[in-house]
Amino acid sequence: MIISDYKYPLYPAVMKSDFREIIEDAAKEFSDKISFLEKDKDDVYKGITYKDFADKVKYLGEGLLRSGFKQRDKIGLIGKNCQKWAISYLAITTSNFVVIPLDKENKVNELRNIVVKSGLKAIIFDNKFAEDMASIKSSVQTLETLIPFENNSQYSESFDSLVEKGKESFGGSGGLYDKIKINNKEVTSIIFTSGTTGQPKGVMLSQFNIISNIYQMLQLHKISDKDVFLSFLPLHHAYECTCGFLCQIYVGSTIAYAKSLRTIADNLREAKATMLLGVPLIFESFYKKIKELAFKGIKGAVVLNTAHIICTVAEKVFKKKGVRRKMFKAFHDKFGGNLRAFISGGAALKKDVGAFFTKLGVLTVQGYGITECSPLLAVNRDKYYKFDSAGMPSPGLDIIIINKNAEGVGEIAVKGDNVMLGYHEEPELTNEAFMDGYFLTGDWGYIDKDNCLYITGRKKNVIVTNNGKNIYPEEIEFLYLESQTIDGIVIKSYDEGTMSEEVISAIIYPNYEYLKELKGKTEEELKADKTLFIDDLKKEIIENNKKLASYKKIKYFCIIDEDFERTTTKKIKRFKIDVKDKYYSVF
């Protein structure tokens, strides 16, 4: 099913051929405009123009081509979000090499496995990873070259030296880079998924896949050269790479890099950002702090809703613009005065959070994607949205729901130009991932009468009761997103040793910081004697159980002392959970 009704016209967008065209067009159209902002050693944002950025991409590409690498060689890339990462990514891909973005949070053994599996010839890396890279190179014969971001006497080349080498070549005999021809249907990037359920797989994407996804995205949301995006999600992840980096180059936006997670609010203000892509954890953190400071309790809710009504009347009846920016001036000034949108992905965002920020004048919506689809599959539009929905499917995307149950929920399957080429050197897994040309996402959901997509959970996580009822753990876990006492929760089935109805249990990581204040005890004391706060957990579970059908209610729970292992987008790695702790009855 290809959606045709998007409630209002799609925004005009231009389909480009490859990454080279994206960079060349940006350099011509936005030559002297700032492309990237990055903090210097004095903690001040410094920029680089689109022309200078495009030149460095070209020079680095030329330097790589003159260093003995062959076209289609695979080159790894690891480091923090920064200009050098962005330049390296585009230099690799526009020189007809294949880039393998590496997760900087991975352990050395995990990185080594990916290096071997992907057949990397070189790695461009942030110098802080020098020790890990040396360890990997010493044990992997196929890895020939290490290229640090900064000059280092231990290495024959660096990012800076290759840029200089490329620049000199262009000034003399002419460039090899200009002679390169890109086949946009060939693999350009292999992204090894972080994996919440098992071993990571290498997702092969082409430039055609990624550009098709950007083209789809730009028709749903108005993004332009007037926008400034703050970037903090890891660039090795498809979400940030496509939606927070390549899309912005496509339209000439400015990208400012956040210094750290702790400085996001300050960096939004300093960069005068207009948009922020994030995950629920960030927006929920903002929500709790702002609500506590400015709109606490019933009185705060009344103030917010009354102001919202006044703004709505001014907007709809009197056609006023910018009224919320004036009404909630203190909030907007805190974030730089230009902020207009938060877009959340990676997991479900509570609708209360989206509604709260939208009332304040910052549209807050969520989307849905998967690495195998470059990644965006759906997003709420900027003038038509539902806070509890993942939004409307991307234009031109053929999306169906298969194997529906009695409630109309089934597995989401898609077909489109943004769908991957396959899994690297895993033909059987690739074949299993498709059915009649449709990619099977592994996610369960449904599409409502307004063409909005809803995600109910992961297929692999579904608990099927003895009488055939489906329980989606994410639906239950969602109720605890704003919990003060619970910091993390995973829903599982529990074996009571009977043949009765499936029993639901919870593995809980408490919010020890909150409990320390509540109980006046140290974290060590709380972990040693869980009876100090078990009744608090039971009380919250009982309250949330009232919102659930009887077969979905949590009946048992256990408490863990250390937080769950998570991916870089803060999803819990379920396959890593192996709990043998004592279980407590809720009742």
Protein backbone atom coordinates (compact mmCIF):
# COMPACT_ATOMS: atom_id res chain seq x y z
CA MET A 1 0.00 0.00 0.00
CA ILE A 2 1.44 3.35 -1.08
CA ILE A 3 -0.04 6.29 0.84
CA SER A 4 -1.45 9.12 -1.27
CA ASP A 5 -3.31 11.22 1.32
CA TYR A 6 -0.82 13.23 3.38
CA LYS A 7 -3.47 15.71 4.67
CA TYR A 8 -1.79 18.66 2.92
CA PRO A 9 0.58 18.91 -0.08
CA LEU A 10 4.02 17.37 0.15
CA TYR A 11 6.90 19.82 0.15
CA PRO A 12 8.84 20.09 -3.13
CA ALA A 13 12.18 18.27 -3.14
CA VAL A 14 14.85 17.43 -5.71
CA MET A 15 16.19 13.90 -6.16
CA LYS A 16 19.98 13.95 -6.58
CA SER A 17 22.17 11.27 -8.12
CA ASP A 18 24.95 10.70 -5.59
CA PHE A 19 26.91 12.20 -2.70
CA ARG A 20 29.19 14.08 -5.10
CA GLU A 21 26.24 16.01 -6.49
CA ILE A 22 25.08 16.82 -2.95
CA ILE A 23 28.47 18.31 -2.02
CA GLU A 24 29.06 20.10 -5.31
CA ASP A 25 25.59 21.69 -5.28
CA ALA A 26 26.01 22.78 -1.65
CA ALA A 27 29.43 24.33 -2.38
CA LYS A 28 28.00 26.30 -5.30
CA GLU A 29 24.73 27.41 -3.74
CA PHE A 30 25.91 27.98 -0.16
CA SER A 31 29.59 28.71 -0.79
CA ASP A 32 30.25 31.21 2.03
CA LYS A 33 27.59 29.94 4.40
CA ILE A 34 28.70 28.10 7.54
CA SER A 35 28.30 24.34 7.15
CA PHE A 36 29.56 23.15 10.55
CA LEU A 37 30.10 24.69 13.96
CA GLU A 38 32.46 23.02 16.40
CA LYS A 39 33.84 24.04 19.79
CA ASP A 40 37.53 25.08 19.82
CA LYS A 41 39.97 24.67 22.71
CA ASP A 42 38.56 27.88 24.25
CA ASP A 43 35.03 26.42 24.23
CA VAL A 44 33.87 28.82 21.49
CA TYR A 45 31.97 27.72 18.38
CA LYS A 46 34.04 28.12 15.20
CA GLY A 47 32.66 27.49 11.72
CA ILE A 48 33.78 26.21 8.33
CA THR A 49 32.10 27.38 5.11
CA TYR A 50 30.49 25.03 2.63
CA LYS A 51 33.20 25.82 0.08
CA ASP A 52 36.01 25.01 2.50
CA PHE A 53 34.21 21.87 3.66
CA ALA A 54 33.73 20.65 0.06
CA ASP A 55 37.40 21.37 -0.72
CA LYS A 56 38.57 19.32 2.27
CA VAL A 57 36.36 16.41 1.19
CA LYS A 58 37.93 16.56 -2.26
CA TYR A 59 41.50 16.92 -0.94
CA LEU A 60 41.15 14.04 1.53
CA GLY A 61 39.63 11.87 -1.20
CA GLU A 62 42.56 12.71 -3.46
CA GLY A 63 45.01 11.94 -0.65
CA LEU A 64 43.44 8.52 -0.10
CA LEU A 65 43.47 7.73 -3.82
CA ARG A 66 47.18 8.62 -3.99
CA SER A 67 48.03 6.44 -0.97
CA GLY A 68 47.66 3.12 -2.74
CA PHE A 69 44.06 2.25 -1.92
CA LYS A 70 41.99 0.69 -4.66
CA GLN A 71 38.44 1.69 -5.52
CA ARG A 72 35.87 -0.32 -3.53
CA ASP A 73 38.34 -0.91 -0.69
CA LYS A 74 36.67 -0.76 2.71
CA ILE A 75 37.74 1.97 5.12
CA GLY A 76 36.60 2.19 8.73
CA LEU A 77 35.79 5.42 10.56
CA ILE A 78 35.61 5.92 14.31
CA GLY A 79 35.45 9.01 16.50
CA LYS A 80 33.25 11.60 18.15
CA ASN A 81 30.87 13.80 16.15
CA CYS A 82 33.09 16.40 14.52
CA GLN A 83 34.02 18.01 11.20
CA LYS A 84 36.81 15.50 10.58
CA TRP A 85 34.38 12.60 10.92
CA ALA A 86 31.98 14.25 8.45
CA ILE A 87 34.74 15.12 5.97
CA SER A 88 36.17 11.60 6.21
CA TYR A 89 32.81 9.94 5.61
CA LEU A 90 32.16 11.92 2.44
CA ALA A 91 35.77 11.68 1.21
CA ILE A 92 35.61 7.88 1.50
CA THR A 93 32.23 7.51 -0.20
CA THR A 94 32.79 10.06 -2.99
CA SER A 95 36.15 8.45 -3.85
CA ASN A 96 34.36 5.15 -4.56
CA PHE A 97 35.56 3.43 -1.39
CA VAL A 98 33.16 1.78 1.05
CA VAL A 99 32.83 3.30 4.52
CA ILE A 100 32.27 1.23 7.64
CA PRO A 101 31.25 3.59 10.50
CA LEU A 102 32.37 2.04 13.79
CA ASP A 103 30.64 2.41 17.14
CA LYS A 104 33.03 4.22 19.48
CA GLU A 105 31.31 2.58 22.47
CA ASN A 106 32.22 -0.94 21.31
CA LYS A 107 34.84 -2.95 23.17
CA VAL A 108 38.11 -3.79 21.39
CA ASN A 109 37.06 -7.38 20.76
CA GLU A 110 33.78 -6.20 19.21
CA LEU A 111 35.61 -3.77 16.95
CA ARG A 112 38.12 -6.44 15.99
CA ASN A 113 35.30 -8.80 14.95
CA ILE A 114 33.82 -6.12 12.68
CA VAL A 115 37.23 -5.30 11.19
CA VAL A 116 37.74 -8.98 10.31
CA LYS A 117 34.19 -9.58 9.12
CA SER A 118 34.12 -6.50 6.88
CA GLY A 119 37.67 -6.87 5.51
CA LEU A 120 38.80 -3.33 6.34
CA LYS A 121 41.98 -2.12 4.64
CA ALA A 122 42.28 1.06 6.70
CA ILE A 123 40.72 2.93 9.61
CA ILE A 124 40.52 6.71 10.02
CA PHE A 125 40.26 7.36 13.73
CA ASP A 126 40.10 9.89 16.53
CA ASN A 127 43.49 9.82 18.29
CA LYS A 128 41.91 8.82 21.60
CA PHE A 129 41.38 5.36 20.07
CA ALA A 130 45.06 4.95 19.10
CA GLU A 131 45.75 2.18 21.63
CA ASP A 132 42.70 0.15 20.58
CA MET A 133 43.50 0.59 16.89
CA ALA A 134 47.12 -0.54 17.41
CA SER A 135 45.90 -3.62 19.28
CA ILE A 136 43.51 -4.52 16.45
CA LYS A 137 46.10 -3.94 13.70
CA SER A 138 48.63 -6.17 15.43
CA SER A 139 46.22 -9.11 15.28
CA VAL A 140 44.47 -8.53 11.92
CA GLN A 141 46.77 -8.99 8.93
CA THR A 142 44.30 -7.61 6.38
CA LEU A 143 44.17 -4.23 8.15
CA GLU A 144 47.02 -2.39 6.41
CA THR A 145 46.80 1.28 7.42
CA LEU A 146 45.80 3.41 10.40
CA ILE A 147 45.10 7.10 9.82
CA PRO A 148 44.67 9.29 12.94
CA PHE A 149 42.71 12.54 12.87
CA GLU A 150 45.72 14.44 14.26
CA ASN A 151 49.38 14.20 13.19
CA ASN A 152 51.33 11.59 15.14
CA SER A 153 54.93 10.51 14.54
CA GLN A 154 53.96 6.84 14.96
CA TYR A 155 51.95 6.95 11.73
CA SER A 156 53.14 7.70 8.21
CA GLU A 157 49.91 9.54 7.36
CA SER A 158 47.15 11.41 9.15
CA PHE A 159 43.92 13.14 8.22
CA ASP A 160 45.79 16.46 8.02
CA SER A 161 48.72 15.12 5.99
CA LEU A 162 46.39 13.42 3.48
CA VAL A 163 44.41 16.64 3.05
CA GLU A 164 47.69 18.48 2.32
CA LYS A 165 48.81 15.74 -0.08
CA GLY A 166 45.51 15.97 -1.93
CA LYS A 167 45.63 19.75 -2.06
CA GLU A 168 49.13 19.71 -3.55
CA SER A 169 48.03 17.21 -6.21
CA PHE A 170 45.20 19.45 -7.32
CA GLY A 171 47.60 22.35 -7.59
CA GLY A 172 49.93 20.37 -9.84
CA SER A 173 49.16 17.54 -12.24
CA GLY A 174 45.43 17.47 -11.56
CA GLY A 175 43.31 15.18 -9.45
CA LEU A 176 42.48 11.49 -9.57
CA TYR A 177 39.39 12.40 -7.55
CA ASP A 178 37.76 14.24 -10.46
CA LYS A 179 38.06 11.15 -12.66
CA ILE A 180 36.11 8.91 -10.29
CA LYS A 181 32.70 7.72 -11.44
CA ILE A 182 30.16 6.67 -8.81
CA ASN A 183 27.65 3.86 -9.34
CA ASN A 184 24.92 4.96 -6.96
CA LYS A 185 23.39 1.45 -6.83
CA GLU A 186 26.56 -0.15 -5.41
CA VAL A 187 27.18 -0.47 -1.68
CA THR A 188 28.66 2.73 -0.23
CA SER A 189 28.27 2.08 3.50
CA ILE A 190 28.10 -1.01 5.70
CA ILE A 191 26.53 -0.25 9.06
CA PHE A 192 26.86 -2.93 11.71
CA THR A 193 23.69 -2.72 13.76
CA SER A 194 24.20 -2.29 17.49
CA GLY A 195 21.83 -5.19 18.09
CA THR A 196 19.35 -5.42 20.99
CA THR A 197 18.68 -9.11 20.38
CA GLY A 198 21.94 -10.71 19.22
CA GLN A 199 25.02 -10.48 17.02
CA PRO A 200 25.27 -7.33 14.86
CA LYS A 201 24.70 -7.66 11.13
CA GLY A 202 26.34 -5.57 8.40
CA VAL A 203 23.63 -3.59 6.63
CA MET A 204 24.71 -2.66 3.09
CA LEU A 205 23.35 0.67 1.84
CA SER A 206 23.91 2.40 -1.49
CA GLN A 207 24.01 6.13 -2.17
CA PHE A 208 20.75 5.65 -4.05
CA ASN A 209 19.19 4.10 -0.91
CA ILE A 210 20.28 6.96 1.33
CA ILE A 211 19.48 9.78 -1.10
CA SER A 212 16.04 8.27 -1.76
CA ASN A 213 15.42 8.39 1.97
CA ILE A 214 16.50 12.03 2.21
CA TYR A 215 14.24 12.86 -0.75
CA GLN A 216 11.32 11.19 1.06
CA MET A 217 12.08 12.98 4.31
CA LEU A 218 12.24 16.45 2.76
CA GLN A 219 8.75 16.03 1.32
CA LEU A 220 7.28 15.43 4.78
CA HIS A 221 9.11 18.11 6.77
CA LYS A 222 10.19 21.59 5.77
CA ILE A 223 13.95 21.78 6.31
CA SER A 224 16.03 24.52 4.71
CA ASP A 225 19.30 26.43 4.66
CA LYS A 226 17.82 28.68 7.37
CA ASP A 227 17.96 25.82 9.89
CA VAL A 228 20.68 25.14 12.45
CA PHE A 229 20.74 21.58 13.80
CA LEU A 230 22.46 20.56 17.01
CA SER A 231 24.12 17.16 16.56
CA PHE A 232 24.77 14.86 19.51
CA LEU A 233 23.52 11.39 18.52
CA PRO A 234 26.38 9.15 17.32
CA LEU A 235 27.15 9.64 13.63
CA HIS A 236 27.92 5.97 13.08
CA HIS A 237 24.20 5.35 13.62
CA ALA A 238 21.96 5.53 10.51
CA TYR A 239 19.48 7.86 12.25
CA GLU A 240 21.99 10.67 12.85
CA CYS A 241 24.05 10.01 9.72
CA THR A 242 21.12 10.28 7.28
CA CYS A 243 18.68 12.51 9.16
CA GLY A 244 21.12 14.72 11.08
CA PHE A 245 24.09 15.02 8.72
CA LEU A 246 23.57 14.14 5.05
CA CYS A 247 20.09 15.65 4.91
CA GLN A 248 21.46 18.95 6.22
CA ILE A 249 24.23 19.07 3.59
CA TYR A 250 21.53 18.34 0.98
CA VAL A 251 19.63 21.56 1.80
CA GLY A 252 22.44 23.77 3.13
CA SER A 253 21.56 23.78 6.82
CA THR A 254 24.19 24.44 9.48
CA ILE A 255 25.22 21.63 11.85
CA ALA A 256 26.56 22.49 15.31
CA TYR A 257 28.18 19.72 17.32
CA ALA A 258 27.21 19.39 20.97
CA LYS A 259 30.18 19.26 23.32
CA SER A 260 28.58 16.53 25.45
CA LEU A 261 25.23 15.18 26.60
CA ARG A 262 25.42 17.39 29.68
CA THR A 263 25.82 20.57 27.63
CA ILE A 264 22.97 20.07 25.12
CA ALA A 265 20.80 22.86 26.58
CA ASP A 266 23.73 25.28 26.67
CA ASN A 267 24.86 24.32 23.16
CA LEU A 268 21.34 24.83 21.77
CA ARG A 269 21.48 28.37 23.12
CA GLU A 270 25.04 29.09 21.98
CA ALA A 271 24.46 27.79 18.45
CA LYS A 272 20.97 29.37 18.27
CA ALA A 273 19.75 26.02 16.95
CA THR A 274 16.37 25.67 15.29
CA MET A 275 16.05 21.87 15.42
CA LEU A 276 17.25 18.94 17.48
CA LEU A 277 17.08 15.25 16.60
CA GLY A 278 17.13 13.08 19.68
CA VAL A 279 15.91 10.06 21.57
CA PRO A 280 13.12 9.98 24.19
CA LEU A 281 15.60 9.93 27.08
CA ILE A 282 16.79 13.46 26.24
CA PHE A 283 13.36 15.00 25.68
CA GLU A 284 11.92 13.35 28.77
CA SER A 285 14.81 14.72 30.82
CA PHE A 286 14.09 18.25 29.52
CA TYR A 287 10.39 17.71 30.18
CA LYS A 288 10.85 16.70 33.82
CA LYS A 289 13.22 19.58 34.62
CA ILE A 290 11.17 22.30 32.91
CA LYS A 291 7.88 21.04 34.31
CA GLU A 292 9.35 20.94 37.81
CA LEU A 293 10.78 24.45 37.53
CA ALA A 294 7.98 26.29 35.73
CA PHE A 295 4.76 24.24 35.61
CA LYS A 296 4.69 22.21 38.79
CA GLY A 297 1.50 20.57 40.07
CA ILE A 298 -2.10 21.44 39.31
CA LYS A 299 -1.44 25.18 39.37
CA GLY A 300 1.35 24.79 36.81
CA ALA A 301 -0.86 22.69 34.55
CA VAL A 302 -3.61 25.32 34.69
CA VAL A 303 -1.15 28.10 33.82
CA LEU A 304 0.25 26.12 30.87
CA ASN A 305 -3.14 25.11 29.47
CA THR A 306 -4.58 28.62 29.86
CA ALA A 307 -1.60 30.12 28.02
CA HIS A 308 -1.95 27.41 25.36
CA ILE A 309 -5.61 28.31 24.78
CA ILE A 310 -4.77 32.01 24.48
CA CYS A 311 -2.03 31.21 21.95
CA THR A 312 -4.32 28.92 19.95
CA VAL A 313 -6.99 31.62 19.68
CA ALA A 314 -4.38 34.19 18.61
CA GLU A 315 -3.01 31.79 15.96
CA LYS A 316 -6.28 30.50 14.53
CA VAL A 317 -8.63 33.44 14.91
CA PHE A 318 -6.29 36.40 14.54
CA LYS A 319 -3.65 34.63 12.38
CA LYS A 320 -0.85 35.78 14.66
CA LYS A 321 2.62 34.26 14.33
CA GLY A 322 5.27 33.77 16.98
CA VAL A 323 2.84 34.16 19.86
CA ARG A 324 4.15 31.15 21.76
CA ARG A 325 7.72 32.43 21.48
CA LYS A 326 6.52 35.62 23.23
CA MET A 327 4.19 33.89 25.71
CA PHE A 328 6.92 31.48 26.83
CA LYS A 329 9.85 33.85 26.30
CA ALA A 330 11.88 32.59 29.27
CA PHE A 331 11.78 29.04 27.94
CA HIS A 332 12.77 30.05 24.41
CA ASP A 333 15.55 32.35 25.60
CA LYS A 334 17.00 29.45 27.61
CA PHE A 335 17.42 27.52 24.33
CA GLY A 336 18.67 30.41 22.19
CA GLY A 337 15.43 31.93 20.95
CA ASN A 338 15.25 30.13 17.57
CA LEU A 339 14.23 26.59 18.50
CA ARG A 340 11.25 25.37 16.47
CA ALA A 341 11.25 21.56 16.51
CA PHE A 342 12.32 18.44 18.38
CA ILE A 343 12.17 15.18 16.42
CA SER A 344 12.42 11.97 18.42
CA GLY A 345 13.36 8.51 17.22
CA GLY A 346 14.86 5.24 18.38
CA ALA A 347 12.04 4.39 20.79
CA ALA A 348 8.53 5.52 21.69
CA LEU A 349 8.08 9.04 23.08
CA LYS A 350 5.29 9.60 25.59
CA LYS A 351 2.55 11.73 24.04
CA ASP A 352 2.50 13.99 27.12
CA VAL A 353 6.08 15.02 26.35
CA GLY A 354 5.29 15.84 22.72
CA ALA A 355 2.17 17.80 23.68
CA PHE A 356 4.02 19.71 26.41
CA PHE A 357 6.79 21.11 24.20
CA THR A 358 4.40 21.77 21.31
CA LYS A 359 2.26 23.91 23.64
CA LEU A 360 5.43 25.87 24.49
CA GLY A 361 6.02 26.53 20.80
CA VAL A 362 8.53 23.79 19.92
CA LEU A 363 6.85 21.20 17.72
CA THR A 364 7.80 17.80 19.17
CA VAL A 365 6.98 14.74 17.12
CA GLN A 366 8.38 11.28 16.59
CA GLY A 367 9.27 9.08 13.68
CA TYR A 368 10.14 5.47 13.05
CA GLY A 369 12.98 3.88 11.18
CA ILE A 370 15.29 0.93 10.94
CA THR A 371 18.90 0.78 9.76
CA GLU A 372 17.96 -1.56 6.90
CA CYS A 373 15.77 1.21 5.44
CA SER A 374 18.38 3.99 5.48
CA PRO A 375 16.65 4.43 8.13
CA LEU A 376 13.44 6.53 7.98
CA LEU A 377 10.12 4.76 7.31
CA ALA A 378 7.64 7.17 8.87
CA VAL A 379 7.49 10.53 10.63
CA ASN A 380 4.80 12.91 11.82
CA ARG A 381 4.41 15.90 9.55
CA ASP A 382 4.99 19.45 10.78
CA LYS A 383 1.36 20.48 10.20
CA TYR A 384 -0.37 17.16 10.81
CA TYR A 385 0.69 14.98 13.69
CA LYS A 386 -0.45 12.60 16.40
CA PHE A 387 1.70 12.54 19.49
CA ASP A 388 1.25 8.79 20.11
CA SER A 389 1.90 7.81 16.49
CA ALA A 390 5.12 7.21 14.54
CA GLY A 391 3.64 9.39 11.78
CA MET A 392 2.90 8.82 8.12
CA PRO A 393 4.88 6.41 5.93
CA SER A 394 7.47 8.02 3.65
CA PRO A 395 6.21 9.11 0.19
CA GLY A 396 6.50 6.32 -2.38
CA LEU A 397 7.08 3.68 0.28
CA ASP A 398 5.00 0.52 -0.19
CA ILE A 399 4.04 -0.55 3.33
CA ILE A 400 1.83 -3.46 4.38
CA ILE A 401 0.89 -5.16 7.64
CA ILE A 402 1.16 -8.94 7.41
CA ASN A 403 -0.08 -11.77 9.65
CA LYS A 404 -2.56 -9.52 11.43
CA ASN A 405 -4.09 -10.68 14.69
CA ALA A 406 -7.67 -10.05 15.86
CA GLU A 407 -6.79 -6.45 16.80
CA GLY A 408 -5.37 -5.73 13.32
CA VAL A 409 -1.79 -5.72 14.57
CA GLY A 410 0.82 -7.50 12.47
CA GLU A 411 4.38 -7.32 11.23
CA ILE A 412 5.34 -4.19 9.30
CA ALA A 413 6.74 -5.02 5.85
CA VAL A 414 8.05 -2.46 3.37
CA LYS A 415 9.24 -2.11 -0.22
CA GLY A 416 10.99 1.00 -1.56
CA ASP A 417 14.11 2.66 -2.93
CA ASN A 418 15.46 3.20 0.59
CA VAL A 419 15.51 -0.53 1.47
CA MET A 420 19.00 -2.03 1.87
CA LEU A 421 20.92 -4.11 -0.65
CA GLY A 422 21.26 -6.90 1.92
CA TYR A 423 23.39 -8.09 4.81
CA HIS A 424 27.16 -8.20 4.21
CA GLU A 425 28.25 -11.75 3.33
CA GLU A 426 25.05 -13.19 4.84
CA PRO A 427 22.92 -14.35 1.87
CA GLU A 428 20.75 -16.65 3.99
CA LEU A 429 19.93 -13.90 6.48
CA THR A 430 19.21 -11.56 3.57
CA ASN A 431 16.78 -14.05 2.02
CA GLU A 432 15.06 -14.57 5.39
CA ALA A 433 14.60 -10.80 5.75
CA PHE A 434 12.46 -10.51 2.61
CA MET A 435 9.11 -11.94 1.56
CA ASP A 436 7.78 -11.39 -1.97
CA GLY A 437 10.07 -8.37 -2.34
CA TYR A 438 9.00 -6.83 0.99
CA PHE A 439 11.53 -6.28 3.76
CA LEU A 440 10.29 -7.71 7.06
CA THR A 441 11.07 -5.13 9.73
CA GLY A 442 10.55 -7.43 12.71
CA ASP A 443 8.37 -4.71 14.26
CA TRP A 444 4.67 -5.14 15.01
CA GLY A 445 2.20 -2.36 14.39
CA TYR A 446 -0.84 -1.09 12.52
CA ILE A 447 -1.96 1.82 10.32
CA ASP A 448 -5.02 3.80 11.38
CA LYS A 449 -7.74 5.38 9.22
CA ASP A 450 -5.68 8.59 8.88
CA ASN A 451 -2.68 6.70 7.44
CA CYS A 452 -0.68 7.06 10.66
CA LEU A 453 1.60 4.21 11.68
CA TYR A 454 1.66 2.85 15.23
CA ILE A 455 4.40 0.60 16.58
CA THR A 456 3.36 -1.93 19.23
CA GLY A 457 6.62 -3.82 19.75
CA ARG A 458 9.35 -6.07 18.38
CA LYS A 459 8.30 -9.43 16.92
CA LYS A 460 11.11 -11.20 18.79
CA ASN A 461 9.96 -9.73 22.11
CA VAL A 462 6.27 -10.70 21.87
CA ILE A 463 5.00 -12.97 24.64
CA VAL A 464 2.27 -15.36 23.45
CA THR A 465 -0.04 -16.62 26.20
CA ASN A 466 -1.43 -20.16 26.39
CA ASN A 467 -4.74 -19.05 24.92
CA GLY A 468 -3.10 -17.22 22.00
CA LYS A 469 -3.11 -13.63 23.28
CA ASN A 470 -0.13 -11.44 22.31
CA ILE A 471 1.59 -9.32 24.95
CA TYR A 472 3.96 -6.61 23.73
CA PRO A 473 6.55 -5.91 26.45
CA GLU A 474 7.14 -2.39 25.12
CA GLU A 475 3.49 -1.49 25.79
CA ILE A 476 3.91 -2.29 29.48
CA GLU A 477 7.41 -0.79 29.73
CA PHE A 478 6.06 2.43 28.22
CA LEU A 479 4.01 3.06 31.37
CA TYR A 480 7.21 3.47 33.39
CA LEU A 481 8.95 6.10 31.26
CA GLU A 482 8.17 8.86 33.76
CA SER A 483 8.69 6.77 36.88
CA GLN A 484 10.63 8.36 39.70
CA THR A 485 11.43 5.08 41.44
CA ILE A 486 12.26 2.96 38.37
CA ASP A 487 15.13 3.89 36.05
CA GLY A 488 14.89 0.89 33.70
CA ILE A 489 12.49 -2.01 33.22
CA VAL A 490 12.28 -5.10 31.01
CA ILE A 491 9.15 -7.23 30.78
CA LYS A 492 9.50 -11.02 30.54
CA SER A 493 7.34 -14.11 30.99
CA TYR A 494 7.71 -15.95 34.30
CA ASP A 495 7.45 -19.69 34.82
CA GLU A 496 5.36 -20.46 37.89
CA GLY A 497 5.69 -24.15 37.24
CA THR A 498 2.01 -24.48 36.35
CA MET A 499 0.01 -24.91 33.15
CA SER A 500 -2.08 -21.82 33.87
CA GLU A 501 -2.12 -18.47 32.02
CA GLU A 502 1.28 -16.96 31.10
CA VAL A 503 2.61 -14.91 34.02
CA ILE A 504 4.27 -11.55 33.41
CA SER A 505 7.33 -10.42 35.36
CA ALA A 506 9.54 -7.37 35.40
CA ILE A 507 13.28 -6.95 35.76
CA ILE A 508 13.80 -3.59 37.42
CA TYR A 509 16.77 -1.28 37.79
CA PRO A 510 15.68 1.23 40.48
CA ASN A 511 16.39 4.94 40.40
CA TYR A 512 18.84 4.84 43.26
CA GLU A 513 19.47 8.59 43.15
CA TYR A 514 15.79 9.29 43.84
CA LEU A 515 15.53 6.53 46.44
CA LYS A 516 18.59 7.85 48.29
CA GLU A 517 16.79 11.16 48.87
CA LEU A 518 13.45 9.51 49.58
CA LYS A 519 14.80 7.05 52.17
CA GLY A 520 17.75 9.01 53.53
CA LYS A 521 20.05 6.06 52.84
CA THR A 522 23.18 5.53 50.79
CA GLU A 523 23.08 3.58 47.54
CA GLU A 524 25.11 0.80 49.16
CA GLU A 525 22.59 0.53 52.02
CA LEU A 526 19.68 0.35 49.57
CA LYS A 527 21.33 -2.36 47.49
CA ALA A 528 22.16 -4.36 50.61
CA ASP A 529 18.63 -4.17 52.01
CA LYS A 530 16.01 -3.98 49.28
CA THR A 531 13.17 -4.23 51.78
CA LEU A 532 13.80 -0.52 52.35
CA PHE A 533 12.08 0.32 49.06
CA ILE A 534 10.29 -2.82 47.81
CA ASP A 535 6.91 -1.46 48.92
CA ASP A 536 7.51 1.68 46.82
CA LEU A 537 8.08 -0.46 43.73
CA LYS A 538 5.04 -2.61 44.49
CA LYS A 539 2.85 0.46 44.88
CA GLU A 540 3.87 1.81 41.48
CA ILE A 541 3.43 -1.56 39.76
CA ILE A 542 -0.04 -1.98 41.28
CA GLU A 543 -1.06 1.48 40.04
CA ASN A 544 0.15 0.78 36.51
CA ASN A 545 -1.42 -2.69 36.54
CA LYS A 546 -4.80 -0.95 36.85
CA LYS A 547 -4.24 0.41 33.31
CA LEU A 548 -3.72 -3.07 31.84
CA ALA A 549 -5.84 -6.08 30.94
CA SER A 550 -5.59 -8.87 33.51
CA TYR A 551 -3.32 -11.05 31.37
CA LYS A 552 -0.83 -8.16 30.94
CA LYS A 553 -0.46 -7.33 34.64
CA ILE A 554 2.97 -7.71 36.24
CA LYS A 555 2.79 -10.38 38.96
CA TYR A 556 6.46 -10.81 39.86
CA PHE A 557 9.55 -8.62 39.73
CA CYS A 558 13.25 -8.80 40.51
CA ILE A 559 15.70 -5.99 41.25
CA ILE A 560 19.14 -5.61 39.69
CA ASP A 561 21.97 -3.52 41.16
CA GLU A 562 23.58 -2.39 37.89
CA ASP A 563 21.87 -0.69 34.96
CA PHE A 564 21.06 -2.69 31.83
CA GLU A 565 23.65 -2.77 29.08
CA ARG A 566 22.44 -0.41 26.35
CA THR A 567 23.11 0.50 22.73
CA THR A 568 24.41 3.95 21.78
CA THR A 569 20.80 5.07 21.23
CA LYS A 570 20.01 3.93 24.80
CA LYS A 571 17.99 0.85 23.90
CA ILE A 572 18.38 -2.04 26.33
CA LYS A 573 20.30 -5.02 24.94
CA ARG A 574 17.76 -7.68 25.84
CA PHE A 575 19.96 -10.57 24.74
CA LYS A 576 22.50 -9.58 27.40
CA ILE A 577 20.00 -10.01 30.24
CA ASP A 578 20.63 -13.07 32.37
CA VAL A 579 19.02 -12.53 35.75
CA LYS A 580 19.15 -15.13 38.50
CA ASP A 581 18.17 -12.79 41.33
CA LYS A 582 15.29 -13.33 43.72
CA TYR A 583 11.80 -12.58 42.40
CA TYR A 584 9.22 -10.83 44.56
CA SER A 585 5.45 -11.15 44.28
CA VAL A 586 3.59 -7.92 43.56
CA PHE A 587 0.62 -9.07 45.65
